[in-house]
């Protein structure tokens, strides 16, 4: 990952089931926002 970061590669999270992960891990969505440059979420999966 260090090599990618040195080349300014951006990170995207396909968060189709992000809501499930947040509940399961008791994590805040903002924590993921600190790691990824962009996040897409789905409002129909896992609700």
C-alpha atoms as a PDB file:
ATOM      1  CA  UNK A   1       0.000   0.000   0.000  1.00  0.00           C
ATOM      2  CA  UNK A   2       2.843   2.393   0.668  1.00  0.00           C
ATOM      3  CA  UNK A   3       3.818   2.266  -2.999  1.00  0.00           C
ATOM      4  CA  UNK A   4       0.274   3.146  -4.053  1.00  0.00           C
ATOM      5  CA  UNK A   5       0.049   5.976  -1.549  1.00  0.00           C
ATOM      6  CA  UNK A   6       3.310   7.434  -2.828  1.00  0.00           C
ATOM      7  CA  UNK A   7       1.726   7.553  -6.293  1.00  0.00           C
ATOM      8  CA  UNK A   8      -1.375   9.370  -4.979  1.00  0.00           C
ATOM      9  CA  UNK A   9      -3.696   6.471  -5.806  1.00  0.00           C
ATOM     10  CA  UNK A  10      -7.179   7.182  -4.489  1.00  0.00           C
ATOM     11  CA  UNK A  11      -9.177   4.570  -2.581  1.00  0.00           C
ATOM     12  CA  UNK A  12     -12.859   3.862  -3.246  1.00  0.00           C
ATOM     13  CA  UNK A  13     -15.117   1.713  -1.075  1.00  0.00           C
ATOM     14  CA  UNK A  14     -17.993  -0.071  -2.775  1.00  0.00           C
ATOM     15  CA  UNK A  15     -20.134  -0.008   0.338  1.00  0.00           C
ATOM     16  CA  UNK A  16     -23.093  -2.045  -0.898  1.00  0.00           C
ATOM     17  CA  UNK A  17     -23.299  -3.677   2.518  1.00  0.00           C
ATOM     18  CA  UNK A  18     -21.636  -0.941   4.537  1.00  0.00           C
ATOM     19  CA  UNK A  19     -24.673  -0.636   6.819  1.00  0.00           C
ATOM     20  CA  UNK A  20     -24.295  -4.312   7.805  1.00  0.00           C
ATOM     21  CA  UNK A  21     -20.602  -3.840   8.559  1.00  0.00           C
ATOM     22  CA  UNK A  22     -21.275  -0.762  10.690  1.00  0.00           C
ATOM     23  CA  UNK A  23     -23.792  -2.606  12.846  1.00  0.00           C
ATOM     24  CA  UNK A  24     -21.692  -5.769  13.105  1.00  0.00           C
ATOM     25  CA  UNK A  25     -18.492  -3.950  14.121  1.00  0.00           C
ATOM     26  CA  UNK A  26     -20.066  -1.068  16.087  1.00  0.00           C
ATOM     27  CA  UNK A  27     -18.118   1.338  13.878  1.00  0.00           C
ATOM     28  CA  UNK A  28     -19.109   4.846  12.797  1.00  0.00           C
ATOM     29  CA  UNK A  29     -19.478   5.633   9.103  1.00  0.00           C
ATOM     30  CA  UNK A  30     -17.152   8.591   9.596  1.00  0.00           C
ATOM     31  CA  UNK A  31     -14.350   6.151  10.478  1.00  0.00           C
ATOM     32  CA  UNK A  32     -14.593   4.705   6.969  1.00  0.00           C
ATOM     33  CA  UNK A  33     -14.653   8.219   5.562  1.00  0.00           C
ATOM     34  CA  UNK A  34     -11.242   8.865   7.091  1.00  0.00           C
ATOM     35  CA  UNK A  35      -9.763   5.917   5.183  1.00  0.00           C
ATOM     36  CA  UNK A  36     -11.387   6.147   1.740  1.00  0.00           C
ATOM     37  CA  UNK A  37     -11.496   9.018  -0.740  1.00  0.00           C
ATOM     38  CA  UNK A  38     -14.954   8.040  -1.991  1.00  0.00           C
ATOM     39  CA  UNK A  39     -17.689   5.706  -0.767  1.00  0.00           C
ATOM     40  CA  UNK A  40     -20.839   4.514  -2.491  1.00  0.00           C
ATOM     41  CA  UNK A  41     -23.657   2.985  -0.488  1.00  0.00           C
ATOM     42  CA  UNK A  42     -26.755   1.031  -1.420  1.00  0.00           C
ATOM     43  CA  UNK A  43     -30.062   1.752   0.259  1.00  0.00           C
ATOM     44  CA  UNK A  44     -31.701  -1.534  -0.733  1.00  0.00           C
ATOM     45  CA  UNK A  45     -29.181  -4.172   0.381  1.00  0.00           C
ATOM     46  CA  UNK A  46     -29.222  -5.415   3.923  1.00  0.00           C
ATOM     47  CA  UNK A  47     -31.972  -3.150   5.205  1.00  0.00           C
END
